[in-house]
């Protein structure tokens, strides 16, 4: 009758044919036809013709280029998505994010920059940029 959120997202992901499982560490570059899931630790570059799912315990350090992304774990680096990025409530992202659509669940952490390519206005827009600055001193 009703589809849950994860089932609906999975149907938009294409075939999931590469999995880096929990307890696995991998360093290098991966180019994947279809989708990839990371539940372990990955350091390097990932390129996928479809989507990436980063599980709650998944960690990626590097550059990612995909169509769509669902992030439940931790990413440090750059994420380029030609479609939609969803940062789930357990996710932590630090770096540069580029996507045409972005969903940030309450509780997700995003530190860095987010750029959304040309939309209806035809101009590239930086949606979020955070720079750590010290708090101003109180005046007495």
C-alpha atoms as a PDB file:
ATOM      1  CA  UNK A   1       0.000   0.000   0.000  1.00  0.00           C
ATOM      2  CA  UNK A   2       2.480   2.666   1.171  1.00  0.00           C
ATOM      3  CA  UNK A   3       6.198   2.526   0.427  1.00  0.00           C
ATOM      4  CA  UNK A   4       8.606   3.472   3.177  1.00  0.00           C
ATOM      5  CA  UNK A   5      11.324   6.067   2.563  1.00  0.00           C
ATOM      6  CA  UNK A   6      14.197   3.575   2.228  1.00  0.00           C
ATOM      7  CA  UNK A   7      12.316   1.371  -0.263  1.00  0.00           C
ATOM      8  CA  UNK A   8      11.475   4.392  -2.402  1.00  0.00           C
ATOM      9  CA  UNK A   9      15.113   5.577  -2.396  1.00  0.00           C
ATOM     10  CA  UNK A  10      16.388   2.083  -3.217  1.00  0.00           C
ATOM     11  CA  UNK A  11      14.168   1.924  -6.311  1.00  0.00           C
ATOM     12  CA  UNK A  12      15.802   5.136  -7.584  1.00  0.00           C
ATOM     13  CA  UNK A  13      19.334   3.782  -6.992  1.00  0.00           C
ATOM     14  CA  UNK A  14      19.664   1.241  -9.792  1.00  0.00           C
ATOM     15  CA  UNK A  15      21.359  -2.121  -9.234  1.00  0.00           C
ATOM     16  CA  UNK A  16      23.488  -2.355  -6.078  1.00  0.00           C
ATOM     17  CA  UNK A  17      26.430  -4.461  -7.230  1.00  0.00           C
ATOM     18  CA  UNK A  18      29.379  -3.294  -5.087  1.00  0.00           C
ATOM     19  CA  UNK A  19      29.469  -3.430  -1.289  1.00  0.00           C
ATOM     20  CA  UNK A  20      32.303  -2.538   1.072  1.00  0.00           C
ATOM     21  CA  UNK A  21      31.073  -4.314   4.162  1.00  0.00           C
ATOM     22  CA  UNK A  22      31.262  -3.545   7.863  1.00  0.00           C
ATOM     23  CA  UNK A  23      34.723  -4.378   9.206  1.00  0.00           C
ATOM     24  CA  UNK A  24      36.356  -3.845   5.802  1.00  0.00           C
ATOM     25  CA  UNK A  25      39.030  -1.191   5.138  1.00  0.00           C
ATOM     26  CA  UNK A  26      39.952  -0.266   1.576  1.00  0.00           C
ATOM     27  CA  UNK A  27      42.366   2.298   0.179  1.00  0.00           C
ATOM     28  CA  UNK A  28      42.456   3.152  -3.533  1.00  0.00           C
ATOM     29  CA  UNK A  29      40.147   4.173  -6.357  1.00  0.00           C
ATOM     30  CA  UNK A  30      36.918   2.501  -7.447  1.00  0.00           C
ATOM     31  CA  UNK A  31      34.903   3.028 -10.620  1.00  0.00           C
ATOM     32  CA  UNK A  32      31.507   1.289 -10.459  1.00  0.00           C
ATOM     33  CA  UNK A  33      28.802   0.583 -13.018  1.00  0.00           C
ATOM     34  CA  UNK A  34      25.507   1.016 -11.141  1.00  0.00           C
ATOM     35  CA  UNK A  35      25.467   1.627  -7.352  1.00  0.00           C
ATOM     36  CA  UNK A  36      27.838   1.119  -4.430  1.00  0.00           C
ATOM     37  CA  UNK A  37      27.312   0.767  -0.678  1.00  0.00           C
ATOM     38  CA  UNK A  38      29.945   1.519   1.968  1.00  0.00           C
ATOM     39  CA  UNK A  39      29.504   0.144   5.488  1.00  0.00           C
ATOM     40  CA  UNK A  40      33.231  -0.087   6.246  1.00  0.00           C
ATOM     41  CA  UNK A  41      36.127   2.364   5.841  1.00  0.00           C
ATOM     42  CA  UNK A  42      37.210   3.679   2.462  1.00  0.00           C
ATOM     43  CA  UNK A  43      40.031   6.089   1.608  1.00  0.00           C
ATOM     44  CA  UNK A  44      40.380   7.236  -1.993  1.00  0.00           C
ATOM     45  CA  UNK A  45      38.119   8.144  -4.904  1.00  0.00           C
ATOM     46  CA  UNK A  46      34.780   6.608  -5.852  1.00  0.00           C
ATOM     47  CA  UNK A  47      33.064   7.113  -9.199  1.00  0.00           C
ATOM     48  CA  UNK A  48      29.669   5.505  -9.836  1.00  0.00           C
ATOM     49  CA  UNK A  49      27.256   5.710 -12.777  1.00  0.00           C
ATOM     50  CA  UNK A  50      24.346   5.559 -10.342  1.00  0.00           C
ATOM     51  CA  UNK A  51      24.326   6.060  -6.566  1.00  0.00           C
ATOM     52  CA  UNK A  52      26.234   5.610  -3.358  1.00  0.00           C
ATOM     53  CA  UNK A  53      24.834   4.627   0.030  1.00  0.00           C
ATOM     54  CA  UNK A  54      27.029   5.246   3.056  1.00  0.00           C
ATOM     55  CA  UNK A  55      25.696   3.181   5.951  1.00  0.00           C
ATOM     56  CA  UNK A  56      25.554   4.455   9.529  1.00  0.00           C
ATOM     57  CA  UNK A  57      28.959   2.906  10.291  1.00  0.00           C
ATOM     58  CA  UNK A  58      30.486   3.725   6.914  1.00  0.00           C
ATOM     59  CA  UNK A  59      33.374   6.200   6.637  1.00  0.00           C
ATOM     60  CA  UNK A  60      34.804   7.720   3.466  1.00  0.00           C
ATOM     61  CA  UNK A  61      37.785  10.031   3.068  1.00  0.00           C
ATOM     62  CA  UNK A  62      38.286  11.252  -0.492  1.00  0.00           C
ATOM     63  CA  UNK A  63      36.355  12.336  -3.576  1.00  0.00           C
ATOM     64  CA  UNK A  64      33.038  10.890  -4.673  1.00  0.00           C
ATOM     65  CA  UNK A  65      31.323  11.435  -8.054  1.00  0.00           C
ATOM     66  CA  UNK A  66      27.837   9.897  -8.391  1.00  0.00           C
ATOM     67  CA  UNK A  67      24.303  10.504  -9.623  1.00  0.00           C
ATOM     68  CA  UNK A  68      22.639  10.300  -6.164  1.00  0.00           C
ATOM     69  CA  UNK A  69      23.870   9.810  -2.597  1.00  0.00           C
ATOM     70  CA  UNK A  70      22.299   8.703   0.668  1.00  0.00           C
ATOM     71  CA  UNK A  71      24.633   9.328   3.596  1.00  0.00           C
ATOM     72  CA  UNK A  72      24.087   7.824   7.037  1.00  0.00           C
ATOM     73  CA  UNK A  73      27.757   7.680   8.043  1.00  0.00           C
ATOM     74  CA  UNK A  74      30.772   9.972   7.758  1.00  0.00           C
ATOM     75  CA  UNK A  75      32.304  11.624   4.681  1.00  0.00           C
ATOM     76  CA  UNK A  76      35.382  13.854   4.704  1.00  0.00           C
ATOM     77  CA  UNK A  77      36.316  15.308   1.325  1.00  0.00           C
ATOM     78  CA  UNK A  78      34.356  16.156  -1.807  1.00  0.00           C
ATOM     79  CA  UNK A  79      30.995  14.868  -3.000  1.00  0.00           C
ATOM     80  CA  UNK A  80      29.758  15.677  -6.507  1.00  0.00           C
ATOM     81  CA  UNK A  81      26.219  14.446  -7.291  1.00  0.00           C
ATOM     82  CA  UNK A  82      24.422  15.233 -10.538  1.00  0.00           C
ATOM     83  CA  UNK A  83      21.116  14.451  -8.801  1.00  0.00           C
ATOM     84  CA  UNK A  84      20.008  14.264  -5.168  1.00  0.00           C
ATOM     85  CA  UNK A  85      21.982  14.026  -1.916  1.00  0.00           C
ATOM     86  CA  UNK A  86      20.287  12.990   1.323  1.00  0.00           C
ATOM     87  CA  UNK A  87      22.130  13.522   4.611  1.00  0.00           C
ATOM     88  CA  UNK A  88      20.378  11.303   7.153  1.00  0.00           C
ATOM     89  CA  UNK A  89      20.139  12.188  10.856  1.00  0.00           C
ATOM     90  CA  UNK A  90      23.192  10.047  11.714  1.00  0.00           C
ATOM     91  CA  UNK A  91      25.423  11.534   9.013  1.00  0.00           C
ATOM     92  CA  UNK A  92      28.472  13.763   9.279  1.00  0.00           C
ATOM     93  CA  UNK A  93      29.817  15.544   6.211  1.00  0.00           C
ATOM     94  CA  UNK A  94      32.919  17.725   6.155  1.00  0.00           C
ATOM     95  CA  UNK A  95      34.170  19.227   2.910  1.00  0.00           C
ATOM     96  CA  UNK A  96      32.722  20.353  -0.410  1.00  0.00           C
ATOM     97  CA  UNK A  97      29.295  19.157  -1.518  1.00  0.00           C
ATOM     98  CA  UNK A  98      27.834  19.803  -4.990  1.00  0.00           C
ATOM     99  CA  UNK A  99      24.315  18.598  -5.844  1.00  0.00           C
ATOM    100  CA  UNK A 100      21.237  19.734  -7.767  1.00  0.00           C
ATOM    101  CA  UNK A 101      18.957  18.656  -4.884  1.00  0.00           C
ATOM    102  CA  UNK A 102      19.773  18.382  -1.180  1.00  0.00           C
ATOM    103  CA  UNK A 103      17.859  16.933   1.779  1.00  0.00           C
ATOM    104  CA  UNK A 104      19.285  17.382   5.284  1.00  0.00           C
ATOM    105  CA  UNK A 105      17.551  15.459   8.052  1.00  0.00           C
ATOM    106  CA  UNK A 106      17.408  16.946  11.549  1.00  0.00           C
ATOM    107  CA  UNK A 107      20.526  15.856  13.428  1.00  0.00           C
ATOM    108  CA  UNK A 108      22.778  15.629  10.366  1.00  0.00           C
ATOM    109  CA  UNK A 109      26.073  17.539  10.509  1.00  0.00           C
ATOM    110  CA  UNK A 110      27.310  19.560   7.516  1.00  0.00           C
ATOM    111  CA  UNK A 111      30.550  21.514   7.862  1.00  0.00           C
ATOM    112  CA  UNK A 112      31.961  22.989   4.700  1.00  0.00           C
ATOM    113  CA  UNK A 113      30.466  24.342   1.514  1.00  0.00           C
ATOM    114  CA  UNK A 114      27.458  23.301  -0.509  1.00  0.00           C
ATOM    115  CA  UNK A 115      27.014  24.445  -4.097  1.00  0.00           C
ATOM    116  CA  UNK A 116      23.908  23.840  -6.150  1.00  0.00           C
ATOM    117  CA  UNK A 117      24.445  24.192  -9.914  1.00  0.00           C
ATOM    118  CA  UNK A 118      22.253  26.340 -12.156  1.00  0.00           C
ATOM    119  CA  UNK A 119      18.571  26.032 -11.442  1.00  0.00           C
ATOM    120  CA  UNK A 120      15.708  28.126 -12.755  1.00  0.00           C
ATOM    121  CA  UNK A 121      17.714  31.324 -12.260  1.00  0.00           C
ATOM    122  CA  UNK A 122      20.563  30.039 -14.441  1.00  0.00           C
ATOM    123  CA  UNK A 123      23.126  31.044 -11.791  1.00  0.00           C
ATOM    124  CA  UNK A 124      25.281  28.841  -9.598  1.00  0.00           C
ATOM    125  CA  UNK A 125      24.458  29.385  -5.925  1.00  0.00           C
ATOM    126  CA  UNK A 126      26.439  28.634  -2.795  1.00  0.00           C
ATOM    127  CA  UNK A 127      23.819  27.527  -0.330  1.00  0.00           C
ATOM    128  CA  UNK A 128      25.882  26.991   2.800  1.00  0.00           C
ATOM    129  CA  UNK A 129      29.350  28.003   3.786  1.00  0.00           C
ATOM    130  CA  UNK A 130      30.656  27.825   7.323  1.00  0.00           C
ATOM    131  CA  UNK A 131      33.949  29.164   8.543  1.00  0.00           C
ATOM    132  CA  UNK A 132      35.001  28.519  12.096  1.00  0.00           C
ATOM    133  CA  UNK A 133      35.501  31.868  13.822  1.00  0.00           C
ATOM    134  CA  UNK A 134      36.177  32.570  17.480  1.00  0.00           C
ATOM    135  CA  UNK A 135      33.271  33.909  19.487  1.00  0.00           C
ATOM    136  CA  UNK A 136      33.380  37.672  20.063  1.00  0.00           C
ATOM    137  CA  UNK A 137      34.694  38.770  23.458  1.00  0.00           C
ATOM    138  CA  UNK A 138      32.142  40.158  25.903  1.00  0.00           C
ATOM    139  CA  UNK A 139      32.300  43.850  26.724  1.00  0.00           C
ATOM    140  CA  UNK A 140      32.411  44.812  30.378  1.00  0.00           C
END
